PDB file of N, CA and C in Angstrom:
ATOM      1  N   MET A   1    -116.001  84.728 -64.819  1.00  0.00           N
ATOM      2  CA  MET A   1    -115.861  83.359 -65.261  1.00  0.00           C
ATOM      3  C   MET A   1    -114.764  83.332 -66.327  1.00  0.00           C
ATOM      4  N   LYS A   2    -113.739  82.594 -66.075  1.00  0.00           N
ATOM      5  CA  LYS A   2    -112.682  82.339 -67.041  1.00  0.00           C
ATOM      6  C   LYS A   2    -112.559  80.830 -67.108  1.00  0.00           C
ATOM      7  N   LYS A   3    -112.915  80.257 -68.251  1.00  0.00           N
ATOM      8  CA  LYS A   3    -113.010  78.808 -68.281  1.00  0.00           C
ATOM      9  C   LYS A   3    -112.753  78.264 -69.672  1.00  0.00           C
ATOM     10  N   ILE A   4    -112.134  77.085 -69.716  1.00  0.00           N
ATOM     11  CA  ILE A   4    -111.995  76.334 -70.960  1.00  0.00           C
ATOM     12  C   ILE A   4    -113.083  75.267 -70.930  1.00  0.00           C
ATOM     13  N   PHE A   5    -113.957  75.306 -71.901  1.00  0.00           N
ATOM     14  CA  PHE A   5    -115.059  74.339 -71.988  1.00  0.00           C
ATOM     15  C   PHE A   5    -114.656  73.206 -72.931  1.00  0.00           C
ATOM     16  N   GLU A   6    -114.795  71.996 -72.459  1.00  0.00           N
ATOM     17  CA  GLU A   6    -114.539  70.806 -73.274  1.00  0.00           C
ATOM     18  C   GLU A   6    -115.838  70.364 -73.923  1.00  0.00           C
ATOM     19  N   LEU A   7    -115.809  70.135 -75.213  1.00  0.00           N
ATOM     20  CA  LEU A   7    -117.017  69.699 -75.933  1.00  0.00           C
ATOM     21  C   LEU A   7    -117.144  68.177 -75.943  1.00  0.00           C
ATOM     22  N   THR A   8    -116.086  67.482 -75.600  1.00  0.00           N
ATOM     23  CA  THR A   8    -116.142  66.024 -75.568  1.00  0.00           C
ATOM     24  C   THR A   8    -116.510  65.558 -74.168  1.00  0.00           C
ATOM     25  N   HIS A   9    -117.324  64.521 -74.127  1.00  0.00           N
ATOM     26  CA  HIS A   9    -117.735  63.944 -72.849  1.00  0.00           C
ATOM     27  C   HIS A   9    -117.983  62.462 -73.076  1.00  0.00           C
ATOM     28  N   PRO A  10    -117.567  61.596 -72.134  1.00  0.00           N
ATOM     29  CA  PRO A  10    -117.710  60.154 -72.362  1.00  0.00           C
ATOM     30  C   PRO A  10    -119.157  59.674 -72.436  1.00  0.00           C
ATOM     31  N   LYS A  11    -120.080  60.365 -71.755  1.00  0.00           N
ATOM     32  CA  LYS A  11    -121.461  59.873 -71.724  1.00  0.00           C
ATOM     33  C   LYS A  11    -122.433  60.734 -72.506  1.00  0.00           C
ATOM     34  N   LEU A  12    -122.112  62.010 -72.735  1.00  0.00           N
ATOM     35  CA  LEU A  12    -123.046  62.919 -73.400  1.00  0.00           C
ATOM     36  C   LEU A  12    -122.713  63.078 -74.868  1.00  0.00           C
ATOM     37  N   LYS A  13    -123.748  63.158 -75.682  1.00  0.00           N
ATOM     38  CA  LYS A  13    -123.542  63.454 -77.098  1.00  0.00           C
ATOM     39  C   LYS A  13    -123.228  64.934 -77.234  1.00  0.00           C
ATOM     40  N   LEU A  14    -122.680  65.322 -78.371  1.00  0.00           N
ATOM     41  CA  LEU A  14    -122.217  66.678 -78.604  1.00  0.00           C
ATOM     42  C   LEU A  14    -123.333  67.713 -78.426  1.00  0.00           C
ATOM     43  N   ALA A  15    -124.501  67.449 -78.970  1.00  0.00           N
ATOM     44  CA  ALA A  15    -125.609  68.408 -78.892  1.00  0.00           C
ATOM     45  C   ALA A  15    -126.026  68.658 -77.447  1.00  0.00           C
ATOM     46  N   ARG A  16    -126.082  67.614 -76.625  1.00  0.00           N
ATOM     47  CA  ARG A  16    -126.455  67.770 -75.217  1.00  0.00           C
ATOM     48  C   ARG A  16    -125.369  68.515 -74.450  1.00  0.00           C
ATOM     49  N   ARG A  17    -124.112  68.254 -74.792  1.00  0.00           N
ATOM     50  CA  ARG A  17    -122.999  68.930 -74.128  1.00  0.00           C
ATOM     51  C   ARG A  17    -123.014  70.433 -74.435  1.00  0.00           C
ATOM     52  N   VAL A  18    -123.284  70.766 -75.692  1.00  0.00           N
ATOM     53  CA  VAL A  18    -123.367  72.176 -76.097  1.00  0.00           C
ATOM     54  C   VAL A  18    -124.516  72.863 -75.358  1.00  0.00           C
ATOM     55  N   ASP A  19    -125.665  72.198 -75.266  1.00  0.00           N
ATOM     56  CA  ASP A  19    -126.802  72.757 -74.519  1.00  0.00           C
ATOM     57  C   ASP A  19    -126.441  72.978 -73.044  1.00  0.00           C
ATOM     58  N   ALA A  20    -125.724  72.034 -72.455  1.00  0.00           N
ATOM     59  CA  ALA A  20    -125.318  72.159 -71.056  1.00  0.00           C
ATOM     60  C   ALA A  20    -124.367  73.341 -70.849  1.00  0.00           C
ATOM     61  N   ILE A  21    -123.457  73.540 -71.786  1.00  0.00           N
ATOM     62  CA  ILE A  21    -122.521  74.667 -71.698  1.00  0.00           C
ATOM     63  C   ILE A  21    -123.265  75.986 -71.826  1.00  0.00           C
ATOM     64  N   LYS A  22    -124.170  76.082 -72.801  1.00  0.00           N
ATOM     65  CA  LYS A  22    -124.940  77.315 -72.980  1.00  0.00           C
ATOM     66  C   LYS A  22    -125.789  77.612 -71.746  1.00  0.00           C
ATOM     67  N   HIS A  23    -126.343  76.573 -71.134  1.00  0.00           N
ATOM     68  CA  HIS A  23    -127.141  76.755 -69.918  1.00  0.00           C
ATOM     69  C   HIS A  23    -126.285  77.245 -68.766  1.00  0.00           C
ATOM     70  N   GLU A  24    -125.081  76.691 -68.638  1.00  0.00           N
ATOM     71  CA  GLU A  24    -124.168  77.120 -67.577  1.00  0.00           C
ATOM     72  C   GLU A  24    -123.801  78.599 -67.730  1.00  0.00           C
ATOM     73  N   ILE A  25    -123.562  79.027 -68.947  1.00  0.00           N
ATOM     74  CA  ILE A  25    -123.230  80.433 -69.218  1.00  0.00           C
ATOM     75  C   ILE A  25    -124.415  81.330 -68.886  1.00  0.00           C
ATOM     76  N   LYS A  26    -125.595  80.912 -69.308  1.00  0.00           N
ATOM     77  CA  LYS A  26    -126.814  81.689 -69.037  1.00  0.00           C
ATOM     78  C   LYS A  26    -127.053  81.810 -67.530  1.00  0.00           C
ATOM     79  N   LYS A  27    -126.813  80.716 -66.806  1.00  0.00           N
ATOM     80  CA  LYS A  27    -126.994  80.713 -65.358  1.00  0.00           C
ATOM     81  C   LYS A  27    -126.013  81.675 -64.676  1.00  0.00           C
ATOM     82  N   TYR A  28    -124.764  81.700 -65.149  1.00  0.00           N
ATOM     83  CA  TYR A  28    -123.765  82.593 -64.578  1.00  0.00           C
ATOM     84  C   TYR A  28    -124.156  84.057 -64.807  1.00  0.00           C
ATOM     85  N   ILE A  29    -124.595  84.373 -66.013  1.00  0.00           N
ATOM     86  CA  ILE A  29    -124.984  85.752 -66.326  1.00  0.00           C
ATOM     87  C   ILE A  29    -126.174  86.172 -65.476  1.00  0.00           C
ATOM     88  N   LYS A  30    -127.152  85.292 -65.323  1.00  0.00           N
ATOM     89  CA  LYS A  30    -128.321  85.609 -64.500  1.00  0.00           C
ATOM     90  C   LYS A  30    -127.922  85.826 -63.044  1.00  0.00           C
ATOM     91  N   ARG A  31    -127.027  85.001 -62.535  1.00  0.00           N
ATOM     92  CA  ARG A  31    -126.558  85.129 -61.158  1.00  0.00           C
ATOM     93  C   ARG A  31    -125.848  86.477 -60.946  1.00  0.00           C
ATOM     94  N   GLU A  32    -125.028  86.882 -61.900  1.00  0.00           N
ATOM     95  CA  GLU A  32    -124.320  88.159 -61.791  1.00  0.00           C
ATOM     96  C   GLU A  32    -125.294  89.339 -61.864  1.00  0.00           C
ATOM     97  N   ARG A  33    -126.297  89.241 -62.718  1.00  0.00           N
ATOM     98  CA  ARG A  33    -127.268  90.333 -62.862  1.00  0.00           C
ATOM     99  C   ARG A  33    -128.162  90.480 -61.641  1.00  0.00           C
ATOM    100  N   ASN A  34    -128.375  89.401 -60.897  1.00  0.00           N
ATOM    101  CA  ASN A  34    -129.243  89.446 -59.717  1.00  0.00           C
ATOM    102  C   ASN A  34    -128.541  89.966 -58.475  1.00  0.00           C
ATOM    103  N   LYS A  35    -127.235  90.141 -58.531  1.00  0.00           N
ATOM    104  CA  LYS A  35    -126.515  90.687 -57.381  1.00  0.00           C
ATOM    105  C   LYS A  35    -126.906  92.148 -57.202  1.00  0.00           C
ATOM    106  N   THR A  36    -126.897  92.601 -55.961  1.00  0.00           N
ATOM    107  CA  THR A  36    -127.245  93.992 -55.709  1.00  0.00           C
ATOM    108  C   THR A  36    -126.135  94.906 -56.226  1.00  0.00           C
ATOM    109  N   LEU A  37    -126.539  95.998 -56.856  1.00  0.00           N
ATOM    110  CA  LEU A  37    -125.598  96.935 -57.451  1.00  0.00           C
ATOM    111  C   LEU A  37    -125.306  98.079 -56.492  1.00  0.00           C
ATOM    112  N   PRO A  38    -124.116  98.634 -56.552  1.00  0.00           N
ATOM    113  CA  PRO A  38    -123.840  99.842 -55.773  1.00  0.00           C
ATOM    114  C   PRO A  38    -124.765 100.978 -56.227  1.00  0.00           C
ATOM    115  N   GLU A  39    -124.916 101.989 -55.387  1.00  0.00           N
ATOM    116  CA  GLU A  39    -125.879 103.051 -55.677  1.00  0.00           C
ATOM    117  C   GLU A  39    -125.557 103.843 -56.942  1.00  0.00           C
ATOM    118  N   ASP A  40    -124.292 104.019 -57.265  1.00  0.00           N
ATOM    119  CA  ASP A  40    -123.942 104.849 -58.423  1.00  0.00           C
ATOM    120  C   ASP A  40    -123.924 104.077 -59.742  1.00  0.00           C
ATOM    121  N   VAL A  41    -124.209 102.785 -59.721  1.00  0.00           N
ATOM    122  CA  VAL A  41    -124.171 101.948 -60.919  1.00  0.00           C
ATOM    123  C   VAL A  41    -125.588 101.772 -61.471  1.00  0.00           C
ATOM    124  N   ASP A  42    -125.722 101.900 -62.810  1.00  0.00           N
ATOM    125  CA  ASP A  42    -127.032 101.778 -63.440  1.00  0.00           C
ATOM    126  C   ASP A  42    -127.411 100.322 -63.743  1.00  0.00           C
ATOM    127  N   PHE A  43    -126.444  99.539 -64.225  1.00  0.00           N
ATOM    128  CA  PHE A  43    -126.745  98.146 -64.573  1.00  0.00           C
ATOM    129  C   PHE A  43    -125.459  97.334 -64.560  1.00  0.00           C
ATOM    130  N   CYS A  44    -125.588  96.031 -64.663  1.00  0.00           N
ATOM    131  CA  CYS A  44    -124.445  95.122 -64.696  1.00  0.00           C
ATOM    132  C   CYS A  44    -124.070  94.879 -66.154  1.00  0.00           C
ATOM    133  N   ASP A  45    -122.863  95.234 -66.522  1.00  0.00           N
ATOM    134  CA  ASP A  45    -122.371  95.057 -67.886  1.00  0.00           C
ATOM    135  C   ASP A  45    -121.320  93.955 -67.873  1.00  0.00           C
ATOM    136  N   PHE A  46    -120.967  93.444 -69.040  1.00  0.00           N
ATOM    137  CA  PHE A  46    -120.024  92.335 -69.110  1.00  0.00           C
ATOM    138  C   PHE A  46    -118.966  92.575 -70.176  1.00  0.00           C
ATOM    139  N   ASP A  47    -117.733  92.214 -69.856  1.00  0.00           N
ATOM    140  CA  ASP A  47    -116.642  92.146 -70.820  1.00  0.00           C
ATOM    141  C   ASP A  47    -116.484  90.684 -71.182  1.00  0.00           C
ATOM    142  N   CYS A  48    -116.516  90.357 -72.471  1.00  0.00           N
ATOM    143  CA  CYS A  48    -116.443  88.974 -72.906  1.00  0.00           C
ATOM    144  C   CYS A  48    -115.275  88.770 -73.859  1.00  0.00           C
ATOM    145  N   LYS A  49    -114.613  87.647 -73.715  1.00  0.00           N
ATOM    146  CA  LYS A  49    -113.562  87.237 -74.636  1.00  0.00           C
ATOM    147  C   LYS A  49    -113.817  85.782 -75.007  1.00  0.00           C
ATOM    148  N   PHE A  50    -113.541  85.454 -76.267  1.00  0.00           N
ATOM    149  CA  PHE A  50    -113.812  84.103 -76.765  1.00  0.00           C
ATOM    150  C   PHE A  50    -112.667  83.703 -77.685  1.00  0.00           C
ATOM    151  N   GLY A  51    -112.242  82.448 -77.592  1.00  0.00           N
ATOM    152  CA  GLY A  51    -111.209  81.950 -78.478  1.00  0.00           C
ATOM    153  C   GLY A  51    -110.956  80.468 -78.287  1.00  0.00           C
ATOM    154  N   ASP A  52    -110.057  79.942 -79.115  1.00  0.00           N
ATOM    155  CA  ASP A  52    -109.676  78.536 -78.983  1.00  0.00           C
ATOM    156  C   ASP A  52    -108.885  78.310 -77.695  1.00  0.00           C
ATOM    157  N   LYS A  53    -108.008  79.281 -77.380  1.00  0.00           N
ATOM    158  CA  LYS A  53    -107.199  79.232 -76.166  1.00  0.00           C
ATOM    159  C   LYS A  53    -107.272  80.596 -75.499  1.00  0.00           C
ATOM    160  N   ALA A  54    -106.828  80.675 -74.263  1.00  0.00           N
ATOM    161  CA  ALA A  54    -106.859  81.937 -73.528  1.00  0.00           C
ATOM    162  C   ALA A  54    -105.981  82.987 -74.207  1.00  0.00           C
ATOM    163  N   GLU A  55    -104.874  82.585 -74.782  1.00  0.00           N
ATOM    164  CA  GLU A  55    -103.963  83.529 -75.435  1.00  0.00           C
ATOM    165  C   GLU A  55    -104.560  84.097 -76.728  1.00  0.00           C
ATOM    166  N   ASP A  56    -105.421  83.334 -77.390  1.00  0.00           N
ATOM    167  CA  ASP A  56    -105.994  83.742 -78.667  1.00  0.00           C
ATOM    168  C   ASP A  56    -107.352  84.429 -78.532  1.00  0.00           C
ATOM    169  N   ALA A  57    -107.832  84.604 -77.317  1.00  0.00           N
ATOM    170  CA  ALA A  57    -109.190  85.122 -77.105  1.00  0.00           C
ATOM    171  C   ALA A  57    -109.305  86.562 -77.576  1.00  0.00           C
ATOM    172  N   LYS A  58    -110.430  86.834 -78.251  1.00  0.00           N
ATOM    173  CA  LYS A  58    -110.722  88.174 -78.750  1.00  0.00           C
ATOM    174  C   LYS A  58    -112.001  88.668 -78.099  1.00  0.00           C
ATOM    175  N   GLU A  59    -112.107  89.984 -77.943  1.00  0.00           N
ATOM    176  CA  GLU A  59    -113.286  90.570 -77.330  1.00  0.00           C
ATOM    177  C   GLU A  59    -114.499  90.404 -78.241  1.00  0.00           C
ATOM    178  N   ILE A  60    -115.621  90.031 -77.634  1.00  0.00           N
ATOM    179  CA  ILE A  60    -116.890  89.909 -78.346  1.00  0.00           C
ATOM    180  C   ILE A  60    -117.981  90.540 -77.494  1.00  0.00           C
ATOM    181  N   HIS A  61    -119.132  90.725 -78.098  1.00  0.00           N
ATOM    182  CA  HIS A  61    -120.293  91.235 -77.364  1.00  0.00           C
ATOM    183  C   HIS A  61    -120.989  90.059 -76.688  1.00  0.00           C
ATOM    184  N   LEU A  62    -121.646  90.339 -75.584  1.00  0.00           N
ATOM    185  CA  LEU A  62    -122.335  89.297 -74.819  1.00  0.00           C
ATOM    186  C   LEU A  62    -123.340  88.523 -75.670  1.00  0.00           C
ATOM    187  N   SER A  63    -124.036  89.220 -76.555  1.00  0.00           N
ATOM    188  CA  SER A  63    -125.070  88.577 -77.360  1.00  0.00           C
ATOM    189  C   SER A  63    -124.503  87.656 -78.452  1.00  0.00           C
ATOM    190  N   GLU A  64    -123.204  87.684 -78.686  1.00  0.00           N
ATOM    191  CA  GLU A  64    -122.590  86.871 -79.742  1.00  0.00           C
ATOM    192  C   GLU A  64    -122.013  85.552 -79.247  1.00  0.00           C
ATOM    193  N   ILE A  65    -122.146  85.275 -77.962  1.00  0.00           N
ATOM    194  CA  ILE A  65    -121.520  84.076 -77.394  1.00  0.00           C
ATOM    195  C   ILE A  65    -122.055  82.802 -78.049  1.00  0.00           C
ATOM    196  N   ASN A  66    -123.378  82.676 -78.170  1.00  0.00           N
ATOM    197  CA  ASN A  66    -123.958  81.461 -78.752  1.00  0.00           C
ATOM    198  C   ASN A  66    -123.541  81.270 -80.203  1.00  0.00           C
ATOM    199  N   LYS A  67    -123.418  82.356 -80.962  1.00  0.00           N
ATOM    200  CA  LYS A  67    -122.974  82.263 -82.366  1.00  0.00           C
ATOM    201  C   LYS A  67    -121.557  81.720 -82.435  1.00  0.00           C
ATOM    202  N   HIS A  68    -120.691  82.183 -81.542  1.00  0.00           N
ATOM    203  CA  HIS A  68    -119.313  81.712 -81.537  1.00  0.00           C
ATOM    204  C   HIS A  68    -119.222  80.251 -81.094  1.00  0.00           C
ATOM    205  N   ILE A  69    -120.053  79.843 -80.153  1.00  0.00           N
ATOM    206  CA  ILE A  69    -120.071  78.435 -79.746  1.00  0.00           C
ATOM    207  C   ILE A  69    -120.512  77.565 -80.908  1.00  0.00           C
ATOM    208  N   ASP A  70    -121.553  77.972 -81.618  1.00  0.00           N
ATOM    209  CA  ASP A  70    -122.022  77.208 -82.776  1.00  0.00           C
ATOM    210  C   ASP A  70    -120.952  77.120 -83.860  1.00  0.00           C
ATOM    211  N   ALA A  71    -120.185  78.191 -84.041  1.00  0.00           N
ATOM    212  CA  ALA A  71    -119.110  78.182 -85.040  1.00  0.00           C
ATOM    213  C   ALA A  71    -118.013  77.195 -84.646  1.00  0.00           C
ATOM    214  N   ILE A  72    -117.683  77.130 -83.356  1.00  0.00           N
ATOM    215  CA  ILE A  72    -116.678  76.181 -82.885  1.00  0.00           C
ATOM    216  C   ILE A  72    -117.151  74.737 -83.105  1.00  0.00           C
ATOM    217  N   VAL A  73    -118.433  74.494 -82.858  1.00  0.00           N
ATOM    218  CA  VAL A  73    -118.999  73.157 -83.059  1.00  0.00           C
ATOM    219  C   VAL A  73    -118.963  72.807 -84.545  1.00  0.00           C
ATOM    220  N   ALA A  74    -119.279  73.767 -85.403  1.00  0.00           N
ATOM    221  CA  ALA A  74    -119.258  73.524 -86.842  1.00  0.00           C
ATOM    222  C   ALA A  74    -117.839  73.225 -87.344  1.00  0.00           C
ATOM    223  N   GLN A  75    -116.834  73.804 -86.695  1.00  0.00           N
ATOM    224  CA  GLN A  75    -115.443  73.559 -87.064  1.00  0.00           C
ATOM    225  C   GLN A  75    -114.916  72.257 -86.467  1.00  0.00           C
ATOM    226  N   GLU A  76    -115.745  71.583 -85.679  1.00  0.00           N
ATOM    227  CA  GLU A  76    -115.431  70.302 -85.050  1.00  0.00           C
ATOM    228  C   GLU A  76    -114.229  70.375 -84.127  1.00  0.00           C
ATOM    229  N   LYS A  77    -114.117  71.465 -83.381  1.00  0.00           N
ATOM    230  CA  LYS A  77    -113.051  71.581 -82.388  1.00  0.00           C
ATOM    231  C   LYS A  77    -113.521  70.945 -81.091  1.00  0.00           C
ATOM    232  N   THR A  78    -112.575  70.585 -80.237  1.00  0.00           N
ATOM    233  CA  THR A  78    -112.923  69.857 -79.020  1.00  0.00           C
ATOM    234  C   THR A  78    -113.084  70.746 -77.795  1.00  0.00           C
ATOM    235  N   SER A  79    -112.597  71.992 -77.846  1.00  0.00           N
ATOM    236  CA  SER A  79    -112.726  72.868 -76.699  1.00  0.00           C
ATOM    237  C   SER A  79    -112.648  74.328 -77.134  1.00  0.00           C
ATOM    238  N   PHE A  80    -113.028  75.219 -76.208  1.00  0.00           N
ATOM    239  CA  PHE A  80    -112.908  76.648 -76.438  1.00  0.00           C
ATOM    240  C   PHE A  80    -112.766  77.365 -75.103  1.00  0.00           C
ATOM    241  N   TYR A  81    -112.257  78.580 -75.164  1.00  0.00           N
ATOM    242  CA  TYR A  81    -112.049  79.395 -73.978  1.00  0.00           C
ATOM    243  C   TYR A  81    -113.074  80.524 -73.966  1.00  0.00           C
ATOM    244  N   LEU A  82    -113.681  80.757 -72.813  1.00  0.00           N
ATOM    245  CA  LEU A  82    -114.644  81.839 -72.651  1.00  0.00           C
ATOM    246  C   LEU A  82    -114.355  82.583 -71.368  1.00  0.00           C
ATOM    247  N   GLU A  83    -114.339  83.904 -71.478  1.00  0.00           N
ATOM    248  CA  GLU A  83    -114.121  84.759 -70.313  1.00  0.00           C
ATOM    249  C   GLU A  83    -115.250  85.771 -70.262  1.00  0.00           C
ATOM    250  N   ILE A  84    -115.961  85.790 -69.146  1.00  0.00           N
ATOM    251  CA  ILE A  84    -117.034  86.755 -68.922  1.00  0.00           C
ATOM    252  C   ILE A  84    -116.760  87.428 -67.589  1.00  0.00           C
ATOM    253  N   ILE A  85    -116.525  88.730 -67.634  1.00  0.00           N
ATOM    254  CA  ILE A  85    -116.225  89.490 -66.431  1.00  0.00           C
ATOM    255  C   ILE A  85    -117.304  90.557 -66.247  1.00  0.00           C
ATOM    256  N   ALA A  86    -117.945  90.544 -65.088  1.00  0.00           N
ATOM    257  CA  ALA A  86    -118.982  91.535 -64.792  1.00  0.00           C
ATOM    258  C   ALA A  86    -118.315  92.858 -64.436  1.00  0.00           C
ATOM    259  N   LYS A  87    -118.934  93.946 -64.899  1.00  0.00           N
ATOM    260  CA  LYS A  87    -118.430  95.284 -64.573  1.00  0.00           C
ATOM    261  C   LYS A  87    -119.601  96.228 -64.386  1.00  0.00           C
ATOM    262  N   ALA A  88    -119.313  97.363 -63.823  1.00  0.00           N
ATOM    263  CA  ALA A  88    -120.353  98.366 -63.601  1.00  0.00           C
ATOM    264  C   ALA A  88    -120.729  99.018 -64.925  1.00  0.00           C
ATOM    265  N   GLY A  89    -122.019  99.163 -65.159  1.00  0.00           N
ATOM    266  CA  GLY A  89    -122.500  99.791 -66.377  1.00  0.00           C
ATOM    267  C   GLY A  89    -123.181 101.113 -66.074  1.00  0.00           C
ATOM    268  N   TYR A  90    -122.904 102.079 -66.896  1.00  0.00           N
ATOM    269  CA  TYR A  90    -123.495 103.406 -66.717  1.00  0.00           C
ATOM    270  C   TYR A  90    -124.243 103.786 -67.981  1.00  0.00           C
ATOM    271  N   ARG A  91    -125.476 104.224 -67.816  1.00  0.00           N
ATOM    272  CA  ARG A  91    -126.282 104.648 -68.957  1.00  0.00           C
ATOM    273  C   ARG A  91    -125.712 105.941 -69.517  1.00  0.00           C
ATOM    274  N   GLN A  92    -125.710 106.033 -70.829  1.00  0.00           N
ATOM    275  CA  GLN A  92    -125.216 107.236 -71.474  1.00  0.00           C
ATOM    276  C   GLN A  92    -126.401 108.094 -71.861  1.00  0.00           C
ATOM    277  N   THR A  93    -126.359 109.339 -71.498  1.00  0.00           N
ATOM    278  CA  THR A  93    -127.454 110.252 -71.830  1.00  0.00           C
ATOM    279  C   THR A  93    -127.255 110.767 -73.244  1.00  0.00           C
ATOM    280  N   LYS A  94    -128.345 110.922 -73.942  1.00  0.00           N
ATOM    281  CA  LYS A  94    -128.282 111.480 -75.286  1.00  0.00           C
ATOM    282  C   LYS A  94    -128.080 112.986 -75.185  1.00  0.00           C
ATOM    283  N   SER A  95    -127.225 113.496 -76.019  1.00  0.00           N
ATOM    284  CA  SER A  95    -127.034 114.944 -76.023  1.00  0.00           C
ATOM    285  C   SER A  95    -128.063 115.569 -76.959  1.00  0.00           C
ATOM    286  N   VAL A  96    -128.274 116.847 -76.837  1.00  0.00           N
ATOM    287  CA  VAL A  96    -129.245 117.560 -77.678  1.00  0.00           C
ATOM    288  C   VAL A  96    -128.803 117.516 -79.126  1.00  0.00           C
ATOM    289  N   ALA A  97    -127.492 117.543 -79.395  1.00  0.00           N
ATOM    290  CA  ALA A  97    -126.980 117.504 -80.767  1.00  0.00           C
ATOM    291  C   ALA A  97    -127.332 116.178 -81.430  1.00  0.00           C
ATOM    292  N   ASP A  98    -127.283 115.074 -80.670  1.00  0.00           N
ATOM    293  CA  ASP A  98    -127.643 113.767 -81.222  1.00  0.00           C
ATOM    294  C   ASP A  98    -129.112 113.732 -81.621  1.00  0.00           C
ATOM    295  N   ASP A  99    -129.989 114.329 -80.802  1.00  0.00           N
ATOM    296  CA  ASP A  99    -131.405 114.373 -81.117  1.00  0.00           C
ATOM    297  C   ASP A  99    -131.672 115.177 -82.382  1.00  0.00           C
ATOM    298  N   ASP A 100    -130.968 116.298 -82.545  1.00  0.00           N
ATOM    299  CA  ASP A 100    -131.141 117.134 -83.736  1.00  0.00           C
ATOM    300  C   ASP A 100    -130.721 116.404 -84.993  1.00  0.00           C
ATOM    301  N   GLU A 101    -129.648 115.606 -84.911  1.00  0.00           N
ATOM    302  CA  GLU A 101    -129.170 114.838 -86.066  1.00  0.00           C
ATOM    303  C   GLU A 101    -130.195 113.777 -86.444  1.00  0.00           C
ATOM    304  N   MET A 102    -130.819 113.166 -85.460  1.00  0.00           N
ATOM    305  CA  MET A 102    -131.829 112.131 -85.724  1.00  0.00           C
ATOM    306  C   MET A 102    -133.039 112.750 -86.410  1.00  0.00           C
ATOM    307  N   ASP A 103    -133.444 113.927 -85.973  1.00  0.00           N
ATOM    308  CA  ASP A 103    -134.607 114.590 -86.566  1.00  0.00           C
ATOM    309  C   ASP A 103    -134.332 115.020 -87.995  1.00  0.00           C
ATOM    310  N   ALA A 104    -133.103 115.381 -88.302  1.00  0.00           N
ATOM    311  CA  ALA A 104    -132.735 115.868 -89.638  1.00  0.00           C
ATOM    312  C   ALA A 104    -132.806 114.747 -90.669  1.00  0.00           C
ATOM    313  N   GLU A 105    -132.587 113.520 -90.237  1.00  0.00           N
ATOM    314  CA  GLU A 105    -132.596 112.388 -91.160  1.00  0.00           C
ATOM    315  C   GLU A 105    -134.015 112.020 -91.436  1.00  0.00           C
TER     316      GLU A 105
END
């Protein structure tokens, strides 16, 4: 999903529009996660970028999307750019050295 979201709408108030945008994003993420994964993939991961425009977009974590949307609303901007790209995720195994460091603390 690469999209510029407009916060202004002729019939909807700002709060309802923000809720609709957040719901659309949540629906997209759920749809991507429900797709069948190839055998060698552990989970569906996402690359996210957020900004005022596509050129200014910076990488963020998936869990920070709502915080950034709320910040844009607080700044009273009329639109923002969001890019969410699904990718293959692989679980990382803990090494024995990492476990020993945890026990030492």
